[in-house]
Amino acid sequence: MALYDWLLFLHVLSAVALVGALAVFWALVLATRPAAPLLSQSAAAGIVKPTNILVIAGTVGVLVFGIWLAIDHDDYQVWDGWILGSLILWAISGWLGDRSGKAFTRAMQPEHAAARRPGLIYHTASSVAVFAILVMMIWKPGA
């Protein structure tokens, strides 16, 4: 396999890790609803730690291997509009995901249960940003 094939494989693998971790977090959001919790806070906390590692690995991987791909492949440039748009959305999604995690962590304390709502908003926005990145990566608008 050529370098390009390895870079593409690792880039897509990182994207799968990131999207999979987001799906796990959505499952946790649903499973820890205050009205009908399916998981205890301690059980959810045990799932959050490895999932955070998966998010970090996926987030860093898509960035590193994606930029490397753009540099390695002659048809793409890092300053192509769809790549710049993806990089901007990557940064926004990361910020939103961090805010979501902090809000949900705070909401685990009974006196701060209201923090769950902003956590849900941040997580939804982060998921939409990741979906928009996937759309740009697949259809490459303007390329």
Protein backbone atom coordinates (compact mmCIF):
# COMPACT_ATOMS: atom_id res chain seq x y z
CA MET A 1 0.00 0.00 0.00
CA ALA A 2 1.16 3.49 -0.81
CA LEU A 3 1.53 6.28 1.74
CA TYR A 4 -1.67 7.89 0.45
CA ASP A 5 -3.63 4.70 1.14
CA TRP A 6 -2.31 4.50 4.71
CA LEU A 7 -3.05 8.17 5.37
CA LEU A 8 -6.57 7.81 4.01
CA PHE A 9 -7.14 4.67 6.07
CA LEU A 10 -5.93 6.34 9.28
CA HIS A 11 -7.93 9.52 8.53
CA VAL A 12 -11.14 7.53 8.01
CA LEU A 13 -10.41 5.32 11.03
CA SER A 14 -10.02 8.46 13.15
CA ALA A 15 -13.31 9.78 11.80
CA VAL A 16 -15.04 6.50 12.68
CA ALA A 17 -13.59 6.69 16.20
CA LEU A 18 -14.85 10.27 16.60
CA VAL A 19 -18.34 9.59 15.25
CA GLY A 20 -18.56 6.37 17.28
CA ALA A 21 -17.63 8.24 20.45
CA LEU A 22 -20.27 10.88 19.70
CA ALA A 23 -22.82 8.08 19.33
CA VAL A 24 -21.80 6.67 22.73
CA PHE A 25 -22.25 10.11 24.27
CA TRP A 26 -25.72 10.35 22.70
CA ALA A 27 -26.55 6.98 24.23
CA LEU A 28 -25.35 8.25 27.61
CA VAL A 29 -27.44 11.41 27.26
CA LEU A 30 -30.51 9.27 26.69
CA ALA A 31 -29.62 6.67 29.33
CA THR A 32 -29.11 9.25 32.09
CA ARG A 33 -32.24 11.32 31.58
CA PRO A 34 -33.43 12.57 34.97
CA ALA A 35 -37.03 11.50 34.31
CA ALA A 36 -36.15 7.85 33.58
CA PRO A 37 -32.48 7.05 34.12
CA LEU A 38 -31.32 3.69 32.80
CA LEU A 39 -27.77 4.11 34.14
CA SER A 40 -26.51 5.33 37.46
CA GLN A 41 -24.15 8.30 37.56
CA SER A 42 -21.26 6.04 38.56
CA ALA A 43 -21.92 3.62 35.68
CA ALA A 44 -22.09 6.54 33.24
CA ALA A 45 -18.85 7.97 34.62
CA GLY A 46 -17.15 4.64 33.95
CA ILE A 47 -18.21 4.82 30.30
CA VAL A 48 -17.27 8.48 29.89
CA LYS A 49 -13.55 8.08 30.59
CA PRO A 50 -12.67 5.64 27.76
CA THR A 51 -15.05 7.45 25.43
CA ASN A 52 -13.23 10.72 26.11
CA ILE A 53 -9.99 9.02 25.06
CA LEU A 54 -11.69 7.88 21.86
CA VAL A 55 -12.91 11.43 21.17
CA ILE A 56 -9.42 12.85 21.68
CA ALA A 57 -7.79 10.18 19.49
CA GLY A 58 -10.39 10.68 16.76
CA THR A 59 -10.23 14.47 16.92
CA VAL A 60 -6.44 14.61 16.75
CA GLY A 61 -6.28 11.82 14.17
CA VAL A 62 -8.67 13.42 11.70
CA LEU A 63 -6.74 16.68 11.92
CA VAL A 64 -3.22 15.24 11.60
CA PHE A 65 -3.98 12.66 8.92
CA GLY A 66 -6.34 15.01 7.07
CA ILE A 67 -3.74 17.78 6.78
CA TRP A 68 -1.09 15.22 5.87
CA LEU A 69 -3.39 13.90 3.13
CA ALA A 70 -3.95 17.40 1.76
CA ILE A 71 -0.20 18.01 1.66
CA ASP A 72 0.60 14.58 0.18
CA HIS A 73 -2.10 14.49 -2.52
CA ASP A 74 -1.47 16.73 -5.55
CA ASP A 75 -5.18 17.29 -6.23
CA TYR A 76 -5.84 18.91 -2.84
CA GLN A 77 -4.39 21.90 -1.05
CA VAL A 78 -4.80 22.77 2.62
CA TRP A 79 -6.25 26.14 1.56
CA ASP A 80 -9.03 24.58 -0.58
CA GLY A 81 -12.36 26.00 0.60
CA TRP A 82 -13.87 22.67 1.67
CA ILE A 83 -10.75 21.84 3.68
CA LEU A 84 -10.61 25.27 5.35
CA GLY A 85 -14.33 25.02 6.12
CA SER A 86 -13.76 21.59 7.64
CA LEU A 87 -10.88 22.90 9.76
CA ILE A 88 -13.02 25.75 11.05
CA LEU A 89 -15.87 23.37 11.86
CA TRP A 90 -13.35 20.99 13.49
CA ALA A 91 -12.26 23.77 15.86
CA ILE A 92 -15.86 24.80 16.58
CA SER A 93 -16.91 21.20 17.18
CA GLY A 94 -14.02 20.66 19.58
CA TRP A 95 -14.90 23.78 21.55
CA LEU A 96 -18.58 22.83 21.68
CA GLY A 97 -17.74 19.28 22.73
CA ASP A 98 -15.54 20.58 25.54
CA ARG A 99 -18.33 22.87 26.74
CA SER A 100 -20.79 19.99 26.55
CA GLY A 101 -18.58 17.73 28.62
CA LYS A 102 -18.11 20.39 31.28
CA ALA A 103 -21.85 21.07 31.43
CA PHE A 104 -22.77 17.39 31.73
CA THR A 105 -20.07 16.84 34.37
CA ARG A 106 -21.49 19.75 36.35
CA ALA A 107 -25.04 18.43 35.88
CA MET A 108 -24.05 15.19 37.63
CA GLN A 109 -24.20 17.13 40.90
CA PRO A 110 -27.83 17.32 42.05
CA GLU A 111 -27.62 21.03 42.88
CA HIS A 112 -26.51 21.78 39.28
CA ALA A 113 -28.99 19.58 37.39
CA ALA A 114 -30.00 22.59 35.27
CA ALA A 115 -26.59 22.42 33.57
CA ARG A 116 -27.87 19.40 31.62
CA ARG A 117 -29.84 21.59 29.23
CA PRO A 118 -26.84 23.67 28.02
CA GLY A 119 -24.86 20.43 27.82
CA LEU A 120 -27.48 19.01 25.51
CA ILE A 121 -27.45 22.14 23.35
CA TYR A 122 -23.64 22.11 23.09
CA HIS A 123 -23.59 18.38 22.31
CA THR A 124 -26.23 18.78 19.62
CA ALA A 125 -24.35 21.67 18.02
CA SER A 126 -21.08 19.73 18.15
CA SER A 127 -22.75 16.72 16.50
CA VAL A 128 -24.19 18.94 13.75
CA ALA A 129 -20.72 20.41 13.11
CA VAL A 130 -19.20 16.93 12.84
CA PHE A 131 -21.98 15.90 10.45
CA ALA A 132 -21.28 19.02 8.32
CA ILE A 133 -17.59 18.05 8.22
CA LEU A 134 -18.53 14.57 7.04
CA VAL A 135 -20.69 16.05 4.30
CA MET A 136 -17.80 18.28 3.14
CA MET A 137 -15.33 15.39 3.26
CA ILE A 138 -17.58 13.16 1.15
CA TRP A 139 -18.81 15.66 -1.48
CA LYS A 140 -15.90 18.15 -1.40
CA PRO A 141 -17.93 21.20 -2.48
CA GLY A 142 -15.94 23.48 -4.78
CA ALA A 143 -13.24 20.89 -5.47
